[in-house]
Amino acid sequence: MHLVQVLCLGHAAYDLTVPLNSFPAENSKIEIESLGEAGGGPAANAAYLLSSWGVDCAFAGLIGDDSFGQRIIEEFKTAGTDLSLLETRAGYPTPLSVILVNTANGSRTIINRKAKSGGLQLDPALLARLNPAIMLFDGHEPEASLLAMETCPAATTVLDAGSLRPGTRLLAGKVDYLVASERFARQITGLADLDTGEEWKSCLKQLAAINPGQIVVTRGEKGLVYTTDGPGGKEYQRLPAFPVTAVDTTGAGDIFHGAFVYGLLQKLPLRENLRFASMAAALSVTKPGGRTSIPTLNQVEMALVAQDMK
């Protein structure tokens, strides 16, 4: 019996999003008329999306007993996220991100405050009772992630590999679905670009040597590439991005991963699921903010219908 359908385990932060017409020059002063405030973090954003879409979802991560941590808790409560595995540590400063968004092209620069800590203290007995069907990791809590896999060996596992760090390197070969950013893929393979067919196929081949399961590499406005199992072994495919005008790309990858997990729950065929997750991410970049740009499930489904009718 699954008390929750999904566990998202990893990083939670509080985001301050600063919209700017251009990147600020050193030793300058800029006035802004608005400031975005919301919870953030890869696994945390995925958990918020899934909870908002009606999934019984738990989040496991580490925050502090400060005002930012309390804001994160209250926001999760509005979505109905299970927080029984969330650790609130006394004296630990909740991770804080200042996100500078260039409104001219939607790019973002993130400044993250994350104090060193001993890592999330996960309760394996409680996790075993929750017994999630799917677990999503973001590599920020590798020891807790390994413990979760040991505790719930039957769960389907997904890694959001945003960048090459000790945690993503450790988990990359151990999950069922390695869903990586182009940044991670280039860092771990040493490839300078993934633009040509030879390059992105070489990337997928190298990643498949690390992980024999399912490989997906997201490339933003350039779409994504992925592996499939064909009669002659691994086959390499690509999927173009949906054309949109980007306002703010913050959180697009997190939203993609959350939507991808939702598709796994619905047992969508792989390519259909990748289109579904891509549409969720595409809709998100047309609005400012990270978590505040998460589309509704109905918006994603209707946008796909409209796209298919073109």
C-alpha atoms as a PDB file:
ATOM      1  CA  MET A   1       0.000   0.000   0.000  1.00  0.00           C
ATOM      2  CA  HIS A   2       1.282   3.456  -0.923  1.00  0.00           C
ATOM      3  CA  LEU A   3       0.468   6.179   1.615  1.00  0.00           C
ATOM      4  CA  VAL A   4       1.999   8.644  -0.871  1.00  0.00           C
ATOM      5  CA  GLN A   5       2.417   8.194  -4.599  1.00  0.00           C
ATOM      6  CA  VAL A   6       5.610  10.214  -4.927  1.00  0.00           C
ATOM      7  CA  LEU A   7       8.491  11.286  -2.712  1.00  0.00           C
ATOM      8  CA  CYS A   8      10.604  14.235  -3.872  1.00  0.00           C
ATOM      9  CA  LEU A   9      13.877  14.331  -1.937  1.00  0.00           C
ATOM     10  CA  GLY A  10      16.456  17.091  -2.090  1.00  0.00           C
ATOM     11  CA  HIS A  11      16.902  20.842  -2.032  1.00  0.00           C
ATOM     12  CA  ALA A  12      14.423  23.403  -0.694  1.00  0.00           C
ATOM     13  CA  ALA A  13      15.166  27.110  -0.776  1.00  0.00           C
ATOM     14  CA  TYR A  14      13.335  30.408  -0.581  1.00  0.00           C
ATOM     15  CA  ASP A  15      13.570  32.399  -3.812  1.00  0.00           C
ATOM     16  CA  LEU A  16      13.743  36.170  -4.195  1.00  0.00           C
ATOM     17  CA  THR A  17      13.264  36.913  -7.901  1.00  0.00           C
ATOM     18  CA  VAL A  18      14.549  40.286  -9.124  1.00  0.00           C
ATOM     19  CA  PRO A  19      13.355  41.378 -12.609  1.00  0.00           C
ATOM     20  CA  LEU A  20      15.868  43.571 -14.468  1.00  0.00           C
ATOM     21  CA  ASN A  21      15.952  45.133 -17.943  1.00  0.00           C
ATOM     22  CA  SER A  22      19.629  44.178 -18.214  1.00  0.00           C
ATOM     23  CA  PHE A  23      22.310  42.604 -16.081  1.00  0.00           C
ATOM     24  CA  PRO A  24      23.496  45.139 -13.465  1.00  0.00           C
ATOM     25  CA  ALA A  25      26.876  46.791 -13.835  1.00  0.00           C
ATOM     26  CA  GLU A  26      29.331  46.640 -10.962  1.00  0.00           C
ATOM     27  CA  ASN A  27      29.126  49.519  -8.463  1.00  0.00           C
ATOM     28  CA  SER A  28      25.720  50.651  -9.752  1.00  0.00           C
ATOM     29  CA  LYS A  29      22.302  51.277  -8.224  1.00  0.00           C
ATOM     30  CA  ILE A  30      19.070  49.974  -9.731  1.00  0.00           C
ATOM     31  CA  GLU A  31      15.464  50.540  -8.701  1.00  0.00           C
ATOM     32  CA  ILE A  32      12.812  47.878  -9.292  1.00  0.00           C
ATOM     33  CA  GLU A  33       9.042  48.050  -8.993  1.00  0.00           C
ATOM     34  CA  SER A  34       8.400  44.410  -8.085  1.00  0.00           C
ATOM     35  CA  LEU A  35      10.066  41.491  -6.313  1.00  0.00           C
ATOM     36  CA  GLY A  36       8.982  37.871  -6.554  1.00  0.00           C
ATOM     37  CA  GLU A  37       8.959  35.741  -3.390  1.00  0.00           C
ATOM     38  CA  ALA A  38       8.241  32.002  -3.257  1.00  0.00           C
ATOM     39  CA  GLY A  39       9.688  28.672  -2.258  1.00  0.00           C
ATOM     40  CA  GLY A  40      12.137  27.053  -4.649  1.00  0.00           C
ATOM     41  CA  GLY A  41      14.621  24.246  -5.160  1.00  0.00           C
ATOM     42  CA  PRO A  42      14.522  21.443  -7.772  1.00  0.00           C
ATOM     43  CA  ALA A  43      12.929  18.645  -5.747  1.00  0.00           C
ATOM     44  CA  ALA A  44      10.813  21.105  -3.766  1.00  0.00           C
ATOM     45  CA  ASN A  45       9.357  22.699  -6.896  1.00  0.00           C
ATOM     46  CA  ALA A  46       8.564  19.271  -8.341  1.00  0.00           C
ATOM     47  CA  ALA A  47       6.800  18.306  -5.106  1.00  0.00           C
ATOM     48  CA  TYR A  48       4.778  21.522  -5.135  1.00  0.00           C
ATOM     49  CA  LEU A  49       3.706  20.948  -8.747  1.00  0.00           C
ATOM     50  CA  LEU A  50       2.687  17.348  -8.118  1.00  0.00           C
ATOM     51  CA  SER A  51       0.749  18.266  -4.983  1.00  0.00           C
ATOM     52  CA  SER A  52      -0.979  21.110  -6.839  1.00  0.00           C
ATOM     53  CA  TRP A  53      -1.983  18.648  -9.565  1.00  0.00           C
ATOM     54  CA  GLY A  54      -3.686  16.356  -7.041  1.00  0.00           C
ATOM     55  CA  VAL A  55      -0.909  13.812  -6.483  1.00  0.00           C
ATOM     56  CA  ASP A  56      -0.334  12.436  -2.976  1.00  0.00           C
ATOM     57  CA  CYS A  57       3.231  13.709  -2.715  1.00  0.00           C
ATOM     58  CA  ALA A  58       5.758  14.011   0.109  1.00  0.00           C
ATOM     59  CA  PHE A  59       8.825  16.212   0.266  1.00  0.00           C
ATOM     60  CA  ALA A  60      11.980  15.323   2.191  1.00  0.00           C
ATOM     61  CA  GLY A  61      14.589  18.012   2.676  1.00  0.00           C
ATOM     62  CA  LEU A  62      16.374  20.222   5.178  1.00  0.00           C
ATOM     63  CA  ILE A  63      15.363  23.753   6.167  1.00  0.00           C
ATOM     64  CA  GLY A  64      16.046  26.022   9.139  1.00  0.00           C
ATOM     65  CA  ASP A  65      13.832  27.177  11.977  1.00  0.00           C
ATOM     66  CA  ASP A  66      13.823  30.743  10.636  1.00  0.00           C
ATOM     67  CA  SER A  67      11.256  32.907   8.857  1.00  0.00           C
ATOM     68  CA  PHE A  68      12.214  31.626   5.397  1.00  0.00           C
ATOM     69  CA  GLY A  69      11.773  28.033   6.556  1.00  0.00           C
ATOM     70  CA  GLN A  70       8.351  28.865   7.976  1.00  0.00           C
ATOM     71  CA  ARG A  71       7.313  30.450   4.677  1.00  0.00           C
ATOM     72  CA  ILE A  72       8.342  27.274   2.837  1.00  0.00           C
ATOM     73  CA  ILE A  73       6.274  25.148   5.211  1.00  0.00           C
ATOM     74  CA  GLU A  74       3.182  27.331   4.861  1.00  0.00           C
ATOM     75  CA  GLU A  75       3.426  27.313   1.070  1.00  0.00           C
ATOM     76  CA  PHE A  76       3.684  23.506   0.979  1.00  0.00           C
ATOM     77  CA  LYS A  77       0.658  23.272   3.273  1.00  0.00           C
ATOM     78  CA  THR A  78      -1.452  25.249   0.802  1.00  0.00           C
ATOM     79  CA  ALA A  79      -0.679  22.600  -1.829  1.00  0.00           C
ATOM     80  CA  GLY A  80      -1.294  19.684   0.551  1.00  0.00           C
ATOM     81  CA  THR A  81       2.249  18.291   0.425  1.00  0.00           C
ATOM     82  CA  ASP A  82       3.136  15.644   3.027  1.00  0.00           C
ATOM     83  CA  LEU A  83       5.925  17.141   5.155  1.00  0.00           C
ATOM     84  CA  SER A  84       6.451  14.270   7.595  1.00  0.00           C
ATOM     85  CA  LEU A  85       9.986  13.734   6.214  1.00  0.00           C
ATOM     86  CA  LEU A  86      10.910  17.442   6.198  1.00  0.00           C
ATOM     87  CA  GLU A  87      13.655  18.230   8.725  1.00  0.00           C
ATOM     88  CA  THR A  88      13.552  21.644  10.381  1.00  0.00           C
ATOM     89  CA  ARG A  89      16.939  22.088  12.044  1.00  0.00           C
ATOM     90  CA  ALA A  90      17.493  24.587  14.846  1.00  0.00           C
ATOM     91  CA  GLY A  91      20.139  27.197  14.058  1.00  0.00           C
ATOM     92  CA  TYR A  92      20.452  26.150  10.422  1.00  0.00           C
ATOM     93  CA  PRO A  93      19.864  29.008   7.949  1.00  0.00           C
ATOM     94  CA  THR A  94      17.291  28.033   5.343  1.00  0.00           C
ATOM     95  CA  PRO A  95      18.843  28.095   1.844  1.00  0.00           C
ATOM     96  CA  LEU A  96      18.094  31.396   0.115  1.00  0.00           C
ATOM     97  CA  SER A  97      18.320  32.185  -3.610  1.00  0.00           C
ATOM     98  CA  VAL A  98      18.483  35.635  -5.154  1.00  0.00           C
ATOM     99  CA  ILE A  99      17.514  35.239  -8.822  1.00  0.00           C
ATOM    100  CA  LEU A 100      18.355  38.036 -11.254  1.00  0.00           C
ATOM    101  CA  VAL A 101      16.080  37.758 -14.293  1.00  0.00           C
ATOM    102  CA  ASN A 102      16.907  39.582 -17.519  1.00  0.00           C
ATOM    103  CA  THR A 103      13.430  40.465 -18.785  1.00  0.00           C
ATOM    104  CA  ALA A 104      14.826  41.188 -22.259  1.00  0.00           C
ATOM    105  CA  ASN A 105      15.539  37.509 -22.972  1.00  0.00           C
ATOM    106  CA  GLY A 106      14.278  35.539 -19.956  1.00  0.00           C
ATOM    107  CA  SER A 107      17.730  34.376 -18.799  1.00  0.00           C
ATOM    108  CA  ARG A 108      18.411  34.125 -15.079  1.00  0.00           C
ATOM    109  CA  THR A 109      21.438  34.307 -12.806  1.00  0.00           C
ATOM    110  CA  ILE A 110      21.096  32.590  -9.427  1.00  0.00           C
ATOM    111  CA  ILE A 111      22.987  33.506  -6.259  1.00  0.00           C
ATOM    112  CA  ASN A 112      22.384  30.789  -3.685  1.00  0.00           C
ATOM    113  CA  ARG A 113      23.147  30.885   0.050  1.00  0.00           C
ATOM    114  CA  LYS A 114      23.457  27.325   1.323  1.00  0.00           C
ATOM    115  CA  ALA A 115      25.341  26.743   4.557  1.00  0.00           C
ATOM    116  CA  LYS A 116      27.313  23.540   5.026  1.00  0.00           C
ATOM    117  CA  SER A 117      25.394  20.942   6.981  1.00  0.00           C
ATOM    118  CA  GLY A 118      25.503  17.310   7.977  1.00  0.00           C
ATOM    119  CA  GLY A 119      22.813  16.472   5.447  1.00  0.00           C
ATOM    120  CA  LEU A 120      19.192  15.472   5.828  1.00  0.00           C
ATOM    121  CA  GLN A 121      18.469  13.020   8.619  1.00  0.00           C
ATOM    122  CA  LEU A 122      15.940  10.670   7.036  1.00  0.00           C
ATOM    123  CA  ASP A 123      13.670   8.403   9.125  1.00  0.00           C
ATOM    124  CA  PRO A 124      13.715   5.067   7.242  1.00  0.00           C
ATOM    125  CA  ALA A 125      10.865   3.591   9.308  1.00  0.00           C
ATOM    126  CA  LEU A 126       8.564   6.492   8.424  1.00  0.00           C
ATOM    127  CA  LEU A 127       9.656   6.346   4.791  1.00  0.00           C
ATOM    128  CA  ALA A 128       8.898   2.633   4.662  1.00  0.00           C
ATOM    129  CA  ARG A 129       5.369   3.347   5.918  1.00  0.00           C
ATOM    130  CA  LEU A 130       4.857   6.030   3.254  1.00  0.00           C
ATOM    131  CA  ASN A 131       6.083   3.513   0.649  1.00  0.00           C
ATOM    132  CA  PRO A 132       6.136   5.842  -2.398  1.00  0.00           C
ATOM    133  CA  ALA A 133       5.662   4.354  -5.850  1.00  0.00           C
ATOM    134  CA  ILE A 134       8.082   6.884  -7.394  1.00  0.00           C
ATOM    135  CA  MET A 135      10.996   8.795  -5.871  1.00  0.00           C
ATOM    136  CA  LEU A 136      12.558  11.891  -7.444  1.00  0.00           C
ATOM    137  CA  PHE A 137      16.027  13.027  -6.335  1.00  0.00           C
ATOM    138  CA  ASP A 138      17.960  16.170  -7.272  1.00  0.00           C
ATOM    139  CA  GLY A 139      21.405  15.136  -6.002  1.00  0.00           C
ATOM    140  CA  HIS A 140      21.557  17.620  -3.129  1.00  0.00           C
ATOM    141  CA  GLU A 141      21.052  14.919  -0.465  1.00  0.00           C
ATOM    142  CA  PRO A 142      22.969  11.883  -1.805  1.00  0.00           C
ATOM    143  CA  GLU A 143      23.246   9.929   1.455  1.00  0.00           C
ATOM    144  CA  ALA A 144      19.541  10.315   2.216  1.00  0.00           C
ATOM    145  CA  SER A 145      18.732   9.399  -1.398  1.00  0.00           C
ATOM    146  CA  LEU A 146      20.744   6.175  -1.168  1.00  0.00           C
ATOM    147  CA  LEU A 147      19.012   5.338   2.113  1.00  0.00           C
ATOM    148  CA  ALA A 148      15.642   5.967   0.472  1.00  0.00           C
ATOM    149  CA  MET A 149      16.497   3.573  -2.371  1.00  0.00           C
ATOM    150  CA  GLU A 150      17.587   0.930   0.126  1.00  0.00           C
ATOM    151  CA  THR A 151      14.411   1.407   2.164  1.00  0.00           C
ATOM    152  CA  CYS A 152      12.024   1.355  -0.820  1.00  0.00           C
ATOM    153  CA  PRO A 153      13.734  -0.868  -3.424  1.00  0.00           C
ATOM    154  CA  ALA A 154      10.524  -1.382  -5.421  1.00  0.00           C
ATOM    155  CA  ALA A 155      10.034   2.344  -6.078  1.00  0.00           C
ATOM    156  CA  THR A 156      10.722   3.746  -9.532  1.00  0.00           C
ATOM    157  CA  THR A 157      13.548   6.299  -9.239  1.00  0.00           C
ATOM    158  CA  VAL A 158      14.208   9.501 -11.188  1.00  0.00           C
ATOM    159  CA  LEU A 159      17.227  11.806 -10.962  1.00  0.00           C
ATOM    160  CA  ASP A 160      16.984  15.492 -11.811  1.00  0.00           C
ATOM    161  CA  ALA A 161      20.645  16.025 -12.735  1.00  0.00           C
ATOM    162  CA  GLY A 162      20.892  19.784 -13.122  1.00  0.00           C
ATOM    163  CA  SER A 163      24.656  20.070 -12.815  1.00  0.00           C
ATOM    164  CA  LEU A 164      27.609  17.817 -12.079  1.00  0.00           C
ATOM    165  CA  ARG A 165      28.049  17.656  -8.319  1.00  0.00           C
ATOM    166  CA  PRO A 166      29.084  14.777  -6.037  1.00  0.00           C
ATOM    167  CA  GLY A 167      25.452  13.836  -5.460  1.00  0.00           C
ATOM    168  CA  THR A 168      24.400  13.765  -9.105  1.00  0.00           C
ATOM    169  CA  ARG A 169      27.551  11.871 -10.068  1.00  0.00           C
ATOM    170  CA  LEU A 170      26.882   9.298  -7.339  1.00  0.00           C
ATOM    171  CA  LEU A 171      23.218   8.782  -8.217  1.00  0.00           C
ATOM    172  CA  ALA A 172      23.474   9.013 -12.011  1.00  0.00           C
ATOM    173  CA  GLY A 173      24.112   5.306 -12.503  1.00  0.00           C
ATOM    174  CA  LYS A 174      21.714   4.073  -9.828  1.00  0.00           C
ATOM    175  CA  VAL A 175      18.298   5.418 -10.905  1.00  0.00           C
ATOM    176  CA  ASP A 176      15.766   4.092 -13.387  1.00  0.00           C
ATOM    177  CA  TYR A 177      15.444   7.438 -15.181  1.00  0.00           C
ATOM    178  CA  LEU A 178      18.413   9.781 -15.592  1.00  0.00           C
ATOM    179  CA  VAL A 179      16.783  13.044 -16.701  1.00  0.00           C
ATOM    180  CA  ALA A 180      19.649  15.492 -17.063  1.00  0.00           C
ATOM    181  CA  SER A 181      20.211  19.034 -18.210  1.00  0.00           C
ATOM    182  CA  GLU A 182      22.523  19.746 -21.113  1.00  0.00           C
ATOM    183  CA  ARG A 183      24.865  21.354 -18.596  1.00  0.00           C
ATOM    184  CA  PHE A 184      25.209  18.106 -16.626  1.00  0.00           C
ATOM    185  CA  ALA A 185      25.560  16.057 -19.811  1.00  0.00           C
ATOM    186  CA  ARG A 186      28.343  18.241 -21.180  1.00  0.00           C
ATOM    187  CA  GLN A 187      30.132  18.350 -17.830  1.00  0.00           C
ATOM    188  CA  ILE A 188      30.177  14.590 -17.300  1.00  0.00           C
ATOM    189  CA  THR A 189      30.995  13.679 -20.926  1.00  0.00           C
ATOM    190  CA  GLY A 190      33.423  16.520 -21.643  1.00  0.00           C
ATOM    191  CA  LEU A 191      31.630  17.385 -24.885  1.00  0.00           C
ATOM    192  CA  ALA A 192      31.796  21.057 -25.838  1.00  0.00           C
ATOM    193  CA  ASP A 193      28.488  21.069 -27.728  1.00  0.00           C
ATOM    194  CA  LEU A 194      25.507  18.848 -28.454  1.00  0.00           C
ATOM    195  CA  ASP A 195      24.354  20.614 -31.609  1.00  0.00           C
ATOM    196  CA  THR A 196      25.239  18.057 -34.277  1.00  0.00           C
ATOM    197  CA  GLY A 197      23.748  14.604 -34.557  1.00  0.00           C
ATOM    198  CA  GLU A 198      27.147  13.090 -33.980  1.00  0.00           C
ATOM    199  CA  GLU A 199      27.591  15.085 -30.762  1.00  0.00           C
ATOM    200  CA  TRP A 200      24.241  14.436 -29.113  1.00  0.00           C
ATOM    201  CA  LYS A 201      24.272  10.772 -30.073  1.00  0.00           C
ATOM    202  CA  SER A 202      27.773  10.469 -28.599  1.00  0.00           C
ATOM    203  CA  CYS A 203      26.471  12.139 -25.434  1.00  0.00           C
ATOM    204  CA  LEU A 204      23.583   9.690 -25.102  1.00  0.00           C
ATOM    205  CA  LYS A 205      25.895   6.749 -25.771  1.00  0.00           C
ATOM    206  CA  GLN A 206      28.273   7.869 -23.009  1.00  0.00           C
ATOM    207  CA  LEU A 207      25.425   8.436 -20.562  1.00  0.00           C
ATOM    208  CA  ALA A 208      23.960   5.027 -21.420  1.00  0.00           C
ATOM    209  CA  ALA A 209      27.301   3.517 -20.434  1.00  0.00           C
ATOM    210  CA  ILE A 210      26.844   5.126 -17.003  1.00  0.00           C
ATOM    211  CA  ASN A 211      23.168   4.223 -16.670  1.00  0.00           C
ATOM    212  CA  PRO A 212      21.606   1.316 -18.595  1.00  0.00           C
ATOM    213  CA  GLY A 213      18.090   2.630 -17.898  1.00  0.00           C
ATOM    214  CA  GLN A 214      16.276   5.542 -19.511  1.00  0.00           C
ATOM    215  CA  ILE A 215      18.320   8.625 -20.494  1.00  0.00           C
ATOM    216  CA  VAL A 216      16.847  12.065 -21.251  1.00  0.00           C
ATOM    217  CA  VAL A 217      18.876  15.248 -21.820  1.00  0.00           C
ATOM    218  CA  THR A 218      16.913  18.510 -21.806  1.00  0.00           C
ATOM    219  CA  ARG A 219      18.244  21.403 -23.900  1.00  0.00           C
ATOM    220  CA  GLY A 220      15.864  24.295 -23.225  1.00  0.00           C
ATOM    221  CA  GLU A 221      14.745  26.013 -26.420  1.00  0.00           C
ATOM    222  CA  LYS A 222      16.639  23.364 -28.407  1.00  0.00           C
ATOM    223  CA  GLY A 223      14.311  20.622 -27.172  1.00  0.00           C
ATOM    224  CA  LEU A 224      15.636  17.341 -25.807  1.00  0.00           C
ATOM    225  CA  VAL A 225      17.314  14.079 -26.797  1.00  0.00           C
ATOM    226  CA  TYR A 226      16.680  10.654 -25.315  1.00  0.00           C
ATOM    227  CA  THR A 227      17.283   6.926 -25.602  1.00  0.00           C
ATOM    228  CA  THR A 228      14.834   4.187 -26.455  1.00  0.00           C
ATOM    229  CA  ASP A 229      15.223   0.423 -26.440  1.00  0.00           C
ATOM    230  CA  GLY A 230      15.041  -0.883 -30.013  1.00  0.00           C
ATOM    231  CA  PRO A 231      15.338  -4.396 -31.414  1.00  0.00           C
ATOM    232  CA  GLY A 232      19.035  -3.835 -32.038  1.00  0.00           C
ATOM    233  CA  GLY A 233      19.787  -2.158 -28.717  1.00  0.00           C
ATOM    234  CA  LYS A 234      19.780   1.509 -27.704  1.00  0.00           C
ATOM    235  CA  GLU A 235      18.351   3.979 -30.194  1.00  0.00           C
ATOM    236  CA  TYR A 236      18.810   7.745 -30.012  1.00  0.00           C
ATOM    237  CA  GLN A 237      15.930  10.160 -30.556  1.00  0.00           C
ATOM    238  CA  ARG A 238      15.307  13.894 -30.383  1.00  0.00           C
ATOM    239  CA  LEU A 239      12.228  16.011 -29.657  1.00  0.00           C
ATOM    240  CA  PRO A 240      11.983  19.694 -30.599  1.00  0.00           C
ATOM    241  CA  ALA A 241      10.882  22.324 -28.104  1.00  0.00           C
ATOM    242  CA  PHE A 242       7.509  24.021 -28.349  1.00  0.00           C
ATOM    243  CA  PRO A 243       7.974  27.576 -29.683  1.00  0.00           C
ATOM    244  CA  VAL A 244       7.321  30.190 -26.995  1.00  0.00           C
ATOM    245  CA  THR A 245       8.554  33.644 -26.078  1.00  0.00           C
ATOM    246  CA  ALA A 246      10.531  33.262 -22.847  1.00  0.00           C
ATOM    247  CA  VAL A 247       9.977  35.811 -20.094  1.00  0.00           C
ATOM    248  CA  ASP A 248      11.740  33.958 -17.269  1.00  0.00           C
ATOM    249  CA  THR A 249      13.329  30.495 -17.453  1.00  0.00           C
ATOM    250  CA  THR A 250      13.570  30.102 -13.660  1.00  0.00           C
ATOM    251  CA  GLY A 251      12.297  26.701 -12.530  1.00  0.00           C
ATOM    252  CA  ALA A 252      11.572  25.382 -16.029  1.00  0.00           C
ATOM    253  CA  GLY A 253      13.709  22.292 -15.457  1.00  0.00           C
ATOM    254  CA  ASP A 254      12.083  21.613 -12.087  1.00  0.00           C
ATOM    255  CA  ILE A 255       8.643  21.900 -13.679  1.00  0.00           C
ATOM    256  CA  PHE A 256       9.693  19.542 -16.479  1.00  0.00           C
ATOM    257  CA  HIS A 257      10.771  16.927 -13.934  1.00  0.00           C
ATOM    258  CA  GLY A 258       7.612  17.263 -11.854  1.00  0.00           C
ATOM    259  CA  ALA A 259       5.433  16.916 -14.946  1.00  0.00           C
ATOM    260  CA  PHE A 260       7.532  13.959 -16.156  1.00  0.00           C
ATOM    261  CA  VAL A 261       6.899  12.149 -12.860  1.00  0.00           C
ATOM    262  CA  TYR A 262       3.193  12.889 -13.226  1.00  0.00           C
ATOM    263  CA  GLY A 263       3.323  11.274 -16.658  1.00  0.00           C
ATOM    264  CA  LEU A 264       5.013   8.219 -15.178  1.00  0.00           C
ATOM    265  CA  LEU A 265       2.147   7.909 -12.694  1.00  0.00           C
ATOM    266  CA  GLN A 266      -0.300   8.069 -15.593  1.00  0.00           C
ATOM    267  CA  LYS A 267       1.762   5.422 -17.450  1.00  0.00           C
ATOM    268  CA  LEU A 268       2.135   7.641 -20.506  1.00  0.00           C
ATOM    269  CA  PRO A 269       4.300   6.233 -23.316  1.00  0.00           C
ATOM    270  CA  LEU A 270       7.776   7.753 -23.186  1.00  0.00           C
ATOM    271  CA  ARG A 271       7.559  10.155 -26.135  1.00  0.00           C
ATOM    272  CA  GLU A 272       4.059  11.260 -25.109  1.00  0.00           C
ATOM    273  CA  ASN A 273       5.333  11.888 -21.579  1.00  0.00           C
ATOM    274  CA  LEU A 274       8.290  13.891 -22.882  1.00  0.00           C
ATOM    275  CA  ARG A 275       5.940  16.071 -24.949  1.00  0.00           C
ATOM    276  CA  PHE A 276       3.720  16.524 -21.886  1.00  0.00           C
ATOM    277  CA  ALA A 277       6.620  17.569 -19.650  1.00  0.00           C
ATOM    278  CA  SER A 278       8.039  19.795 -22.389  1.00  0.00           C
ATOM    279  CA  MET A 279       4.731  21.639 -22.708  1.00  0.00           C
ATOM    280  CA  ALA A 280       4.571  22.203 -18.936  1.00  0.00           C
ATOM    281  CA  ALA A 281       8.074  23.693 -19.023  1.00  0.00           C
ATOM    282  CA  ALA A 282       7.311  25.754 -22.134  1.00  0.00           C
ATOM    283  CA  LEU A 283       4.230  27.307 -20.536  1.00  0.00           C
ATOM    284  CA  SER A 284       6.199  28.096 -17.394  1.00  0.00           C
ATOM    285  CA  VAL A 285       8.806  30.260 -19.133  1.00  0.00           C
ATOM    286  CA  THR A 286       6.091  32.571 -20.470  1.00  0.00           C
ATOM    287  CA  LYS A 287       5.433  33.798 -16.926  1.00  0.00           C
ATOM    288  CA  PRO A 288       7.753  35.373 -14.339  1.00  0.00           C
ATOM    289  CA  GLY A 289       9.029  33.448 -11.342  1.00  0.00           C
ATOM    290  CA  GLY A 290       9.787  29.817 -10.648  1.00  0.00           C
ATOM    291  CA  ARG A 291       7.082  28.190  -8.560  1.00  0.00           C
ATOM    292  CA  THR A 292       4.655  30.988  -9.408  1.00  0.00           C
ATOM    293  CA  SER A 293       4.943  30.070 -13.108  1.00  0.00           C
ATOM    294  CA  ILE A 294       3.758  26.470 -12.686  1.00  0.00           C
ATOM    295  CA  PRO A 295       0.847  25.925 -15.096  1.00  0.00           C
ATOM    296  CA  THR A 296      -2.270  24.044 -14.072  1.00  0.00           C
ATOM    297  CA  LEU A 297      -2.741  20.492 -15.294  1.00  0.00           C
ATOM    298  CA  ASN A 298      -5.675  21.630 -17.417  1.00  0.00           C
ATOM    299  CA  GLN A 299      -3.575  24.362 -19.055  1.00  0.00           C
ATOM    300  CA  VAL A 300      -0.952  21.810 -20.077  1.00  0.00           C
ATOM    301  CA  GLU A 301      -3.520  19.360 -21.443  1.00  0.00           C
ATOM    302  CA  MET A 302      -5.375  22.078 -23.379  1.00  0.00           C
ATOM    303  CA  ALA A 303      -2.138  23.468 -24.818  1.00  0.00           C
ATOM    304  CA  LEU A 304      -1.207  20.004 -26.098  1.00  0.00           C
ATOM    305  CA  VAL A 305      -4.618  19.617 -27.706  1.00  0.00           C
ATOM    306  CA  ALA A 306      -4.239  23.009 -29.389  1.00  0.00           C
ATOM    307  CA  GLN A 307      -0.746  22.077 -30.573  1.00  0.00           C
ATOM    308  CA  ASP A 308      -1.938  18.782 -32.045  1.00  0.00           C
ATOM    309  CA  MET A 309      -4.712  20.579 -33.942  1.00  0.00           C
ATOM    310  CA  LYS A 310      -2.250  22.820 -35.791  1.00  0.00           C
END
